[in-house]
Amino acid sequence: MARRSLSNPSELAYYLAHAPVGVEIADLARIAGSRWAVEECFQAAKNQCGLDEYEVRRYVGWYRHITLAMLVHAFLGVLAAQTQDTAKGAAETTPPASSPSPWQTSGAYWTLSCPTPDPTRTDDSTH
């Protein structure tokens, strides 16, 4: 299978595809195009979740690290989707509702925002 670049029509990319007999060429093209989404997912997991920061000697340790890193990446993806849904539903004139999660996204990175207590505030319930 060959793919032509949309930005540079003279540039071609070639794929060797193994598929069962009867698979449509449109399905092969769709699957080949999804490769970049998978690559971006792994790159984001490396940058945000430490997918590539393992120092283990055995398979079990490596497997645990990879599993936990991908679990964290999935968790952060769900939080990002929830944050986007909340932002889309809010009117432009009203401030966005506070996120139920302390994890906040800033561009391509996640931060844990922890509220700091106000030292000047007195709590009436302690008297």
C-alpha atoms as a PDB file:
ATOM      1  CA  MET A   1       0.000   0.000   0.000  1.00  0.00           C
ATOM      2  CA  ALA A   2       1.280   3.491  -0.827  1.00  0.00           C
ATOM      3  CA  ARG A   3       0.147   6.794   0.679  1.00  0.00           C
ATOM      4  CA  ARG A   4       0.681  10.236  -0.824  1.00  0.00           C
ATOM      5  CA  SER A   5       1.316  13.247   1.416  1.00  0.00           C
ATOM      6  CA  LEU A   6      -1.387  15.930   1.295  1.00  0.00           C
ATOM      7  CA  SER A   7       1.100  18.745   1.857  1.00  0.00           C
ATOM      8  CA  ASN A   8       3.693  17.418  -0.623  1.00  0.00           C
ATOM      9  CA  PRO A   9       2.075  15.251  -3.337  1.00  0.00           C
ATOM     10  CA  SER A  10       5.452  14.052  -4.618  1.00  0.00           C
ATOM     11  CA  GLU A  11       6.202  12.421  -1.233  1.00  0.00           C
ATOM     12  CA  LEU A  12       5.068   8.808  -0.916  1.00  0.00           C
ATOM     13  CA  ALA A  13       4.989   6.482   2.088  1.00  0.00           C
ATOM     14  CA  TYR A  14       4.841   2.725   1.620  1.00  0.00           C
ATOM     15  CA  TYR A  15       3.282   0.136   3.928  1.00  0.00           C
ATOM     16  CA  LEU A  16       3.487  -3.626   3.847  1.00  0.00           C
ATOM     17  CA  ALA A  17       0.085  -4.799   5.057  1.00  0.00           C
ATOM     18  CA  HIS A  18      -0.836  -8.302   6.191  1.00  0.00           C
ATOM     19  CA  ALA A  19      -4.579  -8.835   6.363  1.00  0.00           C
ATOM     20  CA  PRO A  20      -7.104 -11.614   5.796  1.00  0.00           C
ATOM     21  CA  VAL A  21      -8.482 -12.087   2.309  1.00  0.00           C
ATOM     22  CA  GLY A  22     -11.489  -9.859   1.683  1.00  0.00           C
ATOM     23  CA  VAL A  23     -10.393  -6.855   3.745  1.00  0.00           C
ATOM     24  CA  GLU A  24     -11.316  -3.632   1.967  1.00  0.00           C
ATOM     25  CA  ILE A  25      -8.549  -1.237   0.947  1.00  0.00           C
ATOM     26  CA  ALA A  26     -10.424   1.546   2.776  1.00  0.00           C
ATOM     27  CA  ASP A  27     -10.077  -0.425   6.025  1.00  0.00           C
ATOM     28  CA  LEU A  28      -6.355  -0.906   5.438  1.00  0.00           C
ATOM     29  CA  ALA A  29      -5.928   2.821   4.760  1.00  0.00           C
ATOM     30  CA  ARG A  30      -7.859   3.732   7.927  1.00  0.00           C
ATOM     31  CA  ILE A  31      -5.729   1.405  10.053  1.00  0.00           C
ATOM     32  CA  ALA A  32      -2.493   2.671   8.514  1.00  0.00           C
ATOM     33  CA  GLY A  33      -3.610   6.247   9.225  1.00  0.00           C
ATOM     34  CA  SER A  34      -4.284   5.432  12.875  1.00  0.00           C
ATOM     35  CA  ARG A  35      -0.600   4.642  13.386  1.00  0.00           C
ATOM     36  CA  TRP A  36       0.192   8.296  14.089  1.00  0.00           C
ATOM     37  CA  ALA A  37      -2.457   8.546  16.785  1.00  0.00           C
ATOM     38  CA  VAL A  38      -0.858   5.552  18.521  1.00  0.00           C
ATOM     39  CA  GLU A  39       2.617   7.106  18.154  1.00  0.00           C
ATOM     40  CA  GLU A  40       1.378  10.383  19.678  1.00  0.00           C
ATOM     41  CA  CYS A  41      -0.231   8.476  22.550  1.00  0.00           C
ATOM     42  CA  PHE A  42       3.029   6.730  23.403  1.00  0.00           C
ATOM     43  CA  GLN A  43       4.983   9.994  23.117  1.00  0.00           C
ATOM     44  CA  ALA A  44       2.554  11.711  25.493  1.00  0.00           C
ATOM     45  CA  ALA A  45       2.840   8.796  27.927  1.00  0.00           C
ATOM     46  CA  LYS A  46       6.636   9.131  27.815  1.00  0.00           C
ATOM     47  CA  ASN A  47       6.516  12.881  28.451  1.00  0.00           C
ATOM     48  CA  GLN A  48       3.752  13.003  31.060  1.00  0.00           C
ATOM     49  CA  CYS A  49       3.775   9.650  32.837  1.00  0.00           C
ATOM     50  CA  GLY A  50       7.371   8.439  32.765  1.00  0.00           C
ATOM     51  CA  LEU A  51       6.708   5.524  30.456  1.00  0.00           C
ATOM     52  CA  ASP A  52      10.364   5.473  29.386  1.00  0.00           C
ATOM     53  CA  GLU A  53      11.866   6.055  32.844  1.00  0.00           C
ATOM     54  CA  TYR A  54      12.208   2.514  34.081  1.00  0.00           C
ATOM     55  CA  GLU A  55      15.332   1.006  35.574  1.00  0.00           C
ATOM     56  CA  VAL A  56      14.505  -2.615  36.167  1.00  0.00           C
ATOM     57  CA  ARG A  57      16.368  -5.864  35.745  1.00  0.00           C
ATOM     58  CA  ARG A  58      13.539  -8.311  35.371  1.00  0.00           C
ATOM     59  CA  TYR A  59      10.458  -8.622  33.210  1.00  0.00           C
ATOM     60  CA  VAL A  60       8.041  -8.443  36.165  1.00  0.00           C
ATOM     61  CA  GLY A  61       9.392  -5.059  37.269  1.00  0.00           C
ATOM     62  CA  TRP A  62       9.290  -3.720  33.718  1.00  0.00           C
ATOM     63  CA  TYR A  63       5.748  -5.019  33.233  1.00  0.00           C
ATOM     64  CA  ARG A  64       4.544  -3.372  36.453  1.00  0.00           C
ATOM     65  CA  HIS A  65       6.125  -0.049  35.527  1.00  0.00           C
ATOM     66  CA  ILE A  66       4.679  -0.036  32.010  1.00  0.00           C
ATOM     67  CA  THR A  67       1.243  -1.087  33.280  1.00  0.00           C
ATOM     68  CA  LEU A  68       1.128   1.653  35.925  1.00  0.00           C
ATOM     69  CA  ALA A  69       2.415   4.319  33.522  1.00  0.00           C
ATOM     70  CA  MET A  70      -0.231   3.428  30.943  1.00  0.00           C
ATOM     71  CA  LEU A  71      -2.921   3.342  33.647  1.00  0.00           C
ATOM     72  CA  VAL A  72      -1.931   6.851  34.731  1.00  0.00           C
ATOM     73  CA  HIS A  73      -1.964   7.984  31.097  1.00  0.00           C
ATOM     74  CA  ALA A  74      -5.485   6.587  30.636  1.00  0.00           C
ATOM     75  CA  PHE A  75      -6.626   8.252  33.877  1.00  0.00           C
ATOM     76  CA  LEU A  76      -5.258  11.623  32.763  1.00  0.00           C
ATOM     77  CA  GLY A  77      -6.936  11.183  29.375  1.00  0.00           C
ATOM     78  CA  VAL A  78     -10.305  10.638  31.042  1.00  0.00           C
ATOM     79  CA  LEU A  79      -9.765  13.727  33.193  1.00  0.00           C
ATOM     80  CA  ALA A  80      -8.902  15.774  30.109  1.00  0.00           C
ATOM     81  CA  ALA A  81     -12.063  14.588  28.360  1.00  0.00           C
ATOM     82  CA  GLN A  82     -14.180  15.469  31.399  1.00  0.00           C
ATOM     83  CA  THR A  83     -12.566  18.898  31.619  1.00  0.00           C
ATOM     84  CA  GLN A  84     -13.259  19.553  27.934  1.00  0.00           C
ATOM     85  CA  ASP A  85     -16.882  18.425  28.293  1.00  0.00           C
ATOM     86  CA  THR A  86     -17.338  20.734  31.288  1.00  0.00           C
ATOM     87  CA  ALA A  87     -15.775  23.645  29.418  1.00  0.00           C
ATOM     88  CA  LYS A  88     -17.986  23.071  26.351  1.00  0.00           C
ATOM     89  CA  GLY A  89     -21.146  23.005  28.453  1.00  0.00           C
ATOM     90  CA  ALA A  90     -20.421  26.212  30.360  1.00  0.00           C
ATOM     91  CA  ALA A  91     -21.711  29.505  28.983  1.00  0.00           C
ATOM     92  CA  GLU A  92     -19.092  32.022  27.919  1.00  0.00           C
ATOM     93  CA  THR A  93     -20.413  34.655  30.323  1.00  0.00           C
ATOM     94  CA  THR A  94     -20.150  32.462  33.407  1.00  0.00           C
ATOM     95  CA  PRO A  95     -16.830  31.383  34.894  1.00  0.00           C
ATOM     96  CA  PRO A  96     -16.064  27.683  34.421  1.00  0.00           C
ATOM     97  CA  ALA A  97     -17.018  25.389  37.262  1.00  0.00           C
ATOM     98  CA  SER A  98     -14.161  24.136  39.373  1.00  0.00           C
ATOM     99  CA  SER A  99     -12.839  20.777  38.315  1.00  0.00           C
ATOM    100  CA  PRO A 100     -13.640  17.878  40.651  1.00  0.00           C
ATOM    101  CA  SER A 101     -10.054  16.712  40.270  1.00  0.00           C
ATOM    102  CA  PRO A 102      -6.894  18.376  41.576  1.00  0.00           C
ATOM    103  CA  TRP A 103      -5.137  17.420  38.315  1.00  0.00           C
ATOM    104  CA  GLN A 104      -5.090  20.323  35.876  1.00  0.00           C
ATOM    105  CA  THR A 105      -3.861  20.320  32.300  1.00  0.00           C
ATOM    106  CA  SER A 106      -1.650  23.064  30.974  1.00  0.00           C
ATOM    107  CA  GLY A 107      -0.879  22.559  27.318  1.00  0.00           C
ATOM    108  CA  ALA A 108       0.719  19.130  26.975  1.00  0.00           C
ATOM    109  CA  TYR A 109       1.499  18.699  30.678  1.00  0.00           C
ATOM    110  CA  TRP A 110      -0.429  17.891  33.842  1.00  0.00           C
ATOM    111  CA  THR A 111       0.015  19.496  37.228  1.00  0.00           C
ATOM    112  CA  LEU A 112      -1.378  18.633  40.626  1.00  0.00           C
ATOM    113  CA  SER A 113      -2.973  21.733  42.101  1.00  0.00           C
ATOM    114  CA  CYS A 114      -3.373  21.609  45.852  1.00  0.00           C
ATOM    115  CA  PRO A 115      -5.185  24.472  47.557  1.00  0.00           C
ATOM    116  CA  THR A 116      -3.132  26.248  50.184  1.00  0.00           C
ATOM    117  CA  PRO A 117      -4.878  27.132  53.426  1.00  0.00           C
ATOM    118  CA  ASP A 118      -5.460  30.814  54.142  1.00  0.00           C
ATOM    119  CA  PRO A 119      -3.603  31.628  57.391  1.00  0.00           C
ATOM    120  CA  THR A 120      -5.784  34.696  58.047  1.00  0.00           C
ATOM    121  CA  ARG A 121      -9.034  32.737  57.918  1.00  0.00           C
ATOM    122  CA  THR A 122     -10.454  31.486  61.180  1.00  0.00           C
ATOM    123  CA  ASP A 123     -12.678  28.455  61.266  1.00  0.00           C
ATOM    124  CA  ASP A 124     -15.753  29.042  63.476  1.00  0.00           C
ATOM    125  CA  SER A 125     -16.354  25.326  63.966  1.00  0.00           C
ATOM    126  CA  THR A 126     -13.238  24.968  66.158  1.00  0.00           C
ATOM    127  CA  HIS A 127     -14.564  27.345  68.894  1.00  0.00           C
END
